[in-house]
Every structure is written in structure tokens, then in C-alpha cells.
Amino acid sequence: MYLSDSFYLSWQKQERIFSSNVITAFNIFADENYYHYIEDEEHGYYPEDTFSFIRCFSGEGEISLHNQSFILRENECLFLRFHTIKKYTSLSKTWGYKWVNFTAKNSSLLFETDTVYSKPVFDGEEQLFSKLLQAGQSENVDVGYVNTILNHYLYSVMLQDGFSRNEDKKSVNTVDEICGYIRQKIYSKISIGEIASFFQISPRRMHQIFTEKLNISPKRYILNKKLEEGYKLLVQTSIPINEISAMLCFSSPYHFSTEFKSTFGQTPTFSHLTYKSLT
């Protein structure tokens, strides 16, 4: 017996292959007061052909060039020529974004500069970017490995078509897809019915998926994620409790404080805590 599972790709000339070389990478979470001017000295640290990839995960920010500016919102990304960027600033209470500076061969095969792309967060994206940062921060950095991870990351973002909506697989959405959707909507008032409708499953089926895979109800999962986000905002920003409560769509600051104390064992009026995940 002989079994084989394979594919064949004809030899590709180098001019038809996209490849990148990482220079710097950042994972940023900032408040409404954040802004940064790029001076000539900073531009001088990078080659003239450097690209910047900016990926917004939450809030919104503005990137200003010499003669134009771009607003970047949640689930959007942008490629720019680094030497054209003059300033970037937060436009919301908090702004979370990834930023990578790199040079590239055949960039036009994957992206166009000065174009805002709307790309849903894909399953495992946060972990992949964390892997990129860890590889670049390693004591004995393997540059080839770092570049491979960035290539993987950029391809994954740019080829991502959103969540699977295949009509033949309406009821086989994974819990990871649903959790990813919830994380994207963390600053919105979302219901089980809305999420179930998006994935074309019944609320009952959604409850089944969560209890089977995570041993938690979807309602509790949503609450936990909102509390985790509130926890981070309390630790990392100076935003008042009542504003955090409103941002995360709790019915009142009292509701937020009550749930917070029930979950973490203390009220949110503290000066320093170590963030931990609930799931």
C-alpha cells in the first residue's frame, strides 16, 4: 500500500516572492494623551526603503505624514514608507496597536502603501505577534527566524478573509472563532443572540460549545473578558472607574465594581495589581 498527501509548486523566480527583513517591532497600549513626533535623528536609524506596518487592535489613532494623515481604527492596518511619517497620536481613551518597521523585496505582491486595509483579527494572531517579539528579544537572536515569523504574520493578516461563513458548515464554528469575535467587540454592548446570529447558530448551540470546550457559559465568558479589560485599564492608565465602566458597557459603576470585587476579591480602587487572565 502507498498513501501520499502532497502538493507541487513549480520553481519560482526570486522576483516573484515577497520577503521581509525586520528592523524593529512594538506592541503598544496607550491612553488619550499619547503622541510621538519622529525627528530626523530617528529617521536616520532606518534605511530609506523602510516600510512601517501599523495594525490597530483597539481604539483609534492618527498617523500624520508630510502632506496627509490616516485615521486607523480597530481591525484596520496600514503600510507606510517610514521616512514619510511625521507624527502619530491617540484619538481615543485608549489605543492598542502593533507596529513593525522592515525592509522588503517585492512588497507590491502583498500590499500597497498609503492604503487602509480592514482585516479582522485572525485566530492566534496575538500569539504569533508575541512569538515575533520574543524571537527578536532573544539573547542570541536568529535574524532568519525573526524574518520568517514576520513573513508568516504579514501573510496571515493580508490573506485573512474573516471568519468562515461557509454555508455547508454553518454549525461547526470553533470556540476560538467565537472568542475572537467577542474580544473584538469588548468595548461594545453585545448579546448572546447577536453573536449566535453572526455565526448562524442558535443561542442554545453556542451555550453547548462553550460549556463543552471551556466549561463556562458564554455570558460568563463575555463578563470575564470585560473585567479583564477593566483590570488592565485600571493598572495601565489613569482613566477613572466610572469612565472604564461606561467604556466597557456596564450598566453602572456600581455594577462594574460589584462584579470586579466578586471576581478578583477586592474593589477596583487600588494603586497597583498584577494582571492575570481568567480563562
Protein backbone atom coordinates (compact mmCIF):
# COMPACT_ATOMS: atom_id res chain seq x y z
CA MET A 1 0.00 0.00 0.00
CA TYR A 2 1.14 3.55 -0.72
CA LEU A 3 -0.52 6.69 0.69
CA SER A 4 0.56 10.21 -0.14
CA ASP A 5 -0.69 13.68 0.77
CA SER A 6 1.31 16.38 -1.02
CA PHE A 7 1.49 19.26 -3.49
CA TYR A 8 3.94 20.52 -6.07
CA LEU A 9 4.86 24.16 -6.72
CA SER A 10 6.88 24.94 -9.81
CA TRP A 11 10.15 26.76 -9.21
CA GLN A 12 9.54 30.44 -8.57
CA LYS A 13 11.92 33.16 -9.63
CA GLN A 14 13.12 35.42 -6.78
CA GLU A 15 11.40 38.47 -8.28
CA ARG A 16 8.02 36.78 -7.73
CA ILE A 17 8.50 36.12 -3.99
CA PHE A 18 7.76 38.55 -1.17
CA SER A 19 10.29 38.55 1.67
CA SER A 20 10.86 40.91 4.58
CA ASN A 21 13.68 41.88 6.93
CA VAL A 22 12.64 43.08 10.38
CA ILE A 23 14.28 46.14 11.92
CA THR A 24 12.06 46.89 14.93
CA ALA A 25 8.73 45.68 16.33
CA PHE A 26 6.47 47.15 19.01
CA ASN A 27 3.28 46.18 20.84
CA ILE A 28 1.77 49.42 22.20
CA PHE A 29 -1.10 50.22 24.55
CA ALA A 30 -1.50 53.97 25.15
CA ASP A 31 -4.01 56.41 26.62
CA GLU A 32 -5.59 59.53 25.14
CA ASN A 33 -2.59 61.72 25.94
CA TYR A 34 -0.14 59.73 23.85
CA TYR A 35 1.62 61.22 20.83
CA HIS A 36 5.03 60.88 19.22
CA TYR A 37 6.95 63.04 16.75
CA ILE A 38 9.53 61.32 14.57
CA GLU A 39 12.55 63.60 14.34
CA ASP A 40 15.22 63.49 11.64
CA GLU A 41 17.56 61.70 14.03
CA GLU A 42 15.11 58.81 14.44
CA HIS A 43 14.57 58.62 10.69
CA GLY A 44 18.33 58.32 10.36
CA TYR A 45 18.32 55.00 12.21
CA TYR A 46 16.41 53.35 9.36
CA PRO A 47 17.23 52.73 5.67
CA GLU A 48 15.41 54.93 3.15
CA ASP A 49 13.41 51.94 1.86
CA THR A 50 11.97 51.04 5.29
CA PHE A 51 8.27 50.20 5.48
CA SER A 52 6.08 50.57 8.57
CA PHE A 53 3.19 48.19 9.24
CA ILE A 54 0.68 49.54 11.78
CA ARG A 55 -2.11 47.25 12.99
CA CYS A 56 -4.88 48.68 15.24
CA PHE A 57 -6.41 46.31 17.79
CA SER A 58 -8.46 48.74 19.89
CA GLY A 59 -9.42 52.40 19.94
CA GLU A 60 -8.14 54.63 17.16
CA GLY A 61 -5.14 56.71 16.31
CA GLU A 62 -3.96 59.16 13.68
CA ILE A 63 -0.75 58.79 11.68
CA SER A 64 0.40 62.04 10.06
CA LEU A 65 2.71 62.18 7.05
CA HIS A 66 4.31 65.18 5.35
CA ASN A 67 1.22 66.01 3.32
CA GLN A 68 -1.63 63.80 4.55
CA SER A 69 -2.86 61.78 7.53
CA PHE A 70 -4.66 58.49 8.17
CA ILE A 71 -7.12 57.51 10.89
CA LEU A 72 -6.60 53.89 11.96
CA ARG A 73 -9.41 52.12 13.81
CA GLU A 74 -9.96 48.70 15.36
CA ASN A 75 -9.32 45.82 12.91
CA GLU A 76 -7.58 48.10 10.41
CA CYS A 77 -3.97 48.11 9.26
CA LEU A 78 -1.76 50.30 7.14
CA PHE A 79 1.59 50.12 5.35
CA LEU A 80 3.59 53.34 5.03
CA ARG A 81 7.05 54.45 3.98
CA PHE A 82 8.69 55.08 7.35
CA HIS A 83 10.52 58.22 6.21
CA THR A 84 7.21 59.90 5.27
CA ILE A 85 5.81 59.63 8.83
CA LYS A 86 5.99 62.75 10.97
CA LYS A 87 3.71 62.11 13.94
CA TYR A 88 1.24 59.62 15.40
CA THR A 89 -1.21 60.19 18.22
CA SER A 90 -4.05 58.51 20.11
CA LEU A 91 -7.59 59.69 19.30
CA SER A 92 -9.42 57.65 21.93
CA LYS A 93 -9.33 56.89 25.64
CA THR A 94 -7.00 54.01 24.84
CA TRP A 95 -5.23 52.96 21.67
CA GLY A 96 -3.80 49.48 21.20
CA TYR A 97 -1.68 48.75 18.14
CA LYS A 98 1.20 46.72 16.72
CA TRP A 99 3.98 48.41 14.75
CA VAL A 100 6.74 46.76 12.71
CA ASN A 101 9.46 48.52 10.71
CA PHE A 102 11.04 46.40 7.98
CA THR A 103 12.55 46.38 4.52
CA ALA A 104 11.11 44.09 1.87
CA LYS A 105 11.62 42.61 -1.56
CA ASN A 106 8.63 42.62 -3.91
CA SER A 107 6.36 44.42 -1.47
CA SER A 108 3.77 45.05 -4.19
CA LEU A 109 2.97 41.32 -4.21
CA LEU A 110 1.44 41.61 -0.75
CA PHE A 111 0.40 45.21 -0.08
CA GLU A 112 0.15 48.80 -1.25
CA THR A 113 1.35 51.70 0.86
CA ASP A 114 -0.94 54.57 1.94
CA THR A 115 -3.96 52.27 1.89
CA VAL A 116 -6.02 51.41 4.97
CA TYR A 117 -6.98 47.74 4.98
CA SER A 118 -9.83 46.36 7.06
CA LYS A 119 -8.74 42.93 8.32
CA PRO A 120 -10.47 41.02 11.14
CA VAL A 121 -8.19 39.66 13.84
CA PHE A 122 -7.45 36.04 12.97
CA ASP A 123 -7.31 33.17 15.44
CA GLY A 124 -3.87 33.05 17.00
CA GLU A 125 -2.77 36.48 15.76
CA GLU A 126 -1.85 37.78 19.22
CA GLN A 127 0.20 34.66 19.93
CA LEU A 128 2.01 34.93 16.59
CA PHE A 129 2.97 38.56 17.18
CA SER A 130 4.13 37.70 20.70
CA LYS A 131 6.28 34.98 19.15
CA LEU A 132 7.82 37.62 16.86
CA LEU A 133 8.64 39.86 19.83
CA GLN A 134 10.10 37.00 21.86
CA ALA A 135 12.29 35.91 18.95
CA GLY A 136 13.58 39.47 18.45
CA GLN A 137 14.25 39.94 22.17
CA SER A 138 16.19 36.69 22.47
CA GLU A 139 19.74 36.96 23.78
CA ASN A 140 21.05 35.11 20.73
CA VAL A 141 18.77 36.47 18.03
CA ASP A 142 18.36 34.34 14.94
CA VAL A 143 17.55 37.03 12.35
CA GLY A 144 16.44 34.48 9.76
CA TYR A 145 13.94 33.04 12.23
CA VAL A 146 12.62 36.51 13.12
CA ASN A 147 12.14 37.34 9.44
CA THR A 148 10.34 34.05 8.85
CA ILE A 149 7.88 34.82 11.65
CA LEU A 150 7.20 38.30 10.23
CA ASN A 151 6.61 36.86 6.75
CA HIS A 152 4.17 34.39 8.29
CA TYR A 153 2.45 37.14 10.27
CA LEU A 154 2.07 39.56 7.33
CA TYR A 155 0.80 36.84 5.00
CA SER A 156 -1.69 35.69 7.65
CA VAL A 157 -3.03 39.22 8.13
CA MET A 158 -3.23 40.16 4.46
CA LEU A 159 -4.72 36.86 3.28
CA GLN A 160 -7.23 36.69 6.12
CA ASP A 161 -10.82 36.81 4.82
CA GLY A 162 -12.55 36.96 8.19
CA PHE A 163 -14.50 34.22 9.90
CA SER A 164 -15.63 31.21 7.95
CA ARG A 165 -19.22 31.60 6.76
CA ASN A 166 -19.34 28.51 4.52
CA GLU A 167 -22.98 27.63 4.01
CA ASP A 168 -22.14 23.93 4.33
CA LYS A 169 -20.57 24.46 7.75
CA LYS A 170 -22.93 26.87 9.49
CA SER A 171 -22.90 24.96 12.76
CA VAL A 172 -19.25 23.97 13.02
CA ASN A 173 -17.72 27.28 14.09
CA THR A 174 -14.94 26.74 16.58
CA VAL A 175 -14.93 28.23 20.03
CA ASP A 176 -11.74 30.11 19.06
CA GLU A 177 -13.59 31.96 16.30
CA ILE A 178 -16.38 32.97 18.65
CA CYS A 179 -13.94 34.04 21.36
CA GLY A 180 -12.04 36.12 18.80
CA TYR A 181 -15.25 37.86 17.81
CA ILE A 182 -16.06 38.61 21.45
CA ARG A 183 -12.59 40.09 22.02
CA GLN A 184 -13.09 42.39 19.03
CA LYS A 185 -16.39 43.62 20.50
CA ILE A 186 -15.15 44.03 24.07
CA TYR A 187 -16.00 47.76 24.10
CA SER A 188 -19.49 47.14 22.72
CA LYS A 189 -22.71 46.02 24.35
CA ILE A 190 -23.02 42.53 22.91
CA SER A 191 -25.62 39.85 23.49
CA ILE A 192 -25.60 36.08 23.10
CA GLY A 193 -28.31 36.44 20.45
CA GLU A 194 -26.18 38.85 18.39
CA ILE A 195 -23.16 36.55 18.48
CA ALA A 196 -25.19 33.44 17.70
CA SER A 197 -26.81 35.25 14.76
CA PHE A 198 -23.41 36.30 13.39
CA PHE A 199 -22.19 32.69 13.42
CA GLN A 200 -25.56 31.37 12.21
CA ILE A 201 -26.07 29.07 15.17
CA SER A 202 -28.70 29.00 17.89
CA PRO A 203 -28.02 30.51 21.35
CA ARG A 204 -28.52 27.02 22.74
CA ARG A 205 -25.83 25.59 20.43
CA MET A 206 -23.49 28.43 21.41
CA HIS A 207 -24.03 27.62 25.09
CA GLN A 208 -23.25 23.97 24.33
CA ILE A 209 -19.99 24.89 22.57
CA PHE A 210 -18.76 26.98 25.50
CA THR A 211 -19.69 24.56 28.24
CA GLU A 212 -18.14 21.63 26.34
CA LYS A 213 -14.91 23.38 25.33
CA LEU A 214 -14.31 25.92 28.11
CA ASN A 215 -16.52 24.69 30.94
CA ILE A 216 -18.07 28.16 31.16
CA SER A 217 -21.22 29.81 29.87
CA PRO A 218 -20.85 32.33 27.02
CA LYS A 219 -22.46 35.02 29.21
CA ARG A 220 -19.83 34.46 31.91
CA TYR A 221 -17.05 34.40 29.31
CA ILE A 222 -18.10 37.82 28.00
CA LEU A 223 -18.26 39.22 31.53
CA ASN A 224 -14.81 37.80 32.36
CA LYS A 225 -13.26 39.37 29.27
CA LYS A 226 -14.78 42.75 30.08
CA LEU A 227 -13.48 42.51 33.64
CA GLU A 228 -10.01 41.54 32.39
CA GLU A 229 -10.02 44.58 30.12
CA GLY A 230 -11.16 46.74 33.03
CA TYR A 231 -8.35 45.27 35.14
CA LYS A 232 -5.77 46.25 32.51
CA LEU A 233 -7.18 49.76 32.15
CA LEU A 234 -7.01 50.27 35.92
CA VAL A 235 -3.40 49.08 36.04
CA GLN A 236 -2.08 50.73 32.89
CA THR A 237 -3.99 54.03 32.69
CA SER A 238 -5.35 56.81 34.89
CA ILE A 239 -8.90 56.55 33.50
CA PRO A 240 -11.50 56.92 36.30
CA ILE A 241 -13.55 53.89 37.32
CA ASN A 242 -16.83 55.41 36.13
CA GLU A 243 -15.38 56.02 32.65
CA ILE A 244 -13.99 52.49 32.43
CA SER A 245 -17.41 51.18 33.43
CA ALA A 246 -19.04 53.17 30.61
CA MET A 247 -16.38 52.19 28.05
CA LEU A 248 -17.00 48.51 28.76
CA CYS A 249 -20.80 48.98 28.69
CA PHE A 250 -21.59 48.02 32.29
CA SER A 251 -24.98 49.27 33.43
CA SER A 252 -23.37 51.43 36.13
CA PRO A 253 -20.07 51.95 38.01
CA TYR A 254 -21.68 50.09 40.92
CA HIS A 255 -22.36 47.09 38.67
CA PHE A 256 -18.75 47.13 37.45
CA SER A 257 -17.36 47.43 40.99
CA THR A 258 -19.60 44.66 42.32
CA GLU A 259 -18.64 42.21 39.56
CA PHE A 260 -14.98 43.23 39.89
CA LYS A 261 -14.91 42.53 43.63
CA SER A 262 -16.78 39.24 43.18
CA THR A 263 -14.23 38.10 40.58
CA PHE A 264 -10.92 39.47 41.89
CA GLY A 265 -11.69 39.58 45.61
CA GLN A 266 -11.18 43.32 46.01
CA THR A 267 -12.64 46.60 44.82
CA PRO A 268 -11.19 48.35 41.77
CA THR A 269 -9.95 51.27 43.91
CA PHE A 270 -6.34 50.18 44.12
CA SER A 271 -2.99 51.59 43.00
CA HIS A 272 -1.16 48.51 41.78
CA LEU A 273 -2.10 44.95 40.85
CA THR A 274 -0.55 42.29 38.67
CA TYR A 275 -2.76 41.47 35.70
CA LYS A 276 -3.93 37.89 35.34
CA SER A 277 -6.19 36.11 32.86
CA LEU A 278 -9.43 34.47 33.95
CA THR A 279 -9.51 31.91 31.15
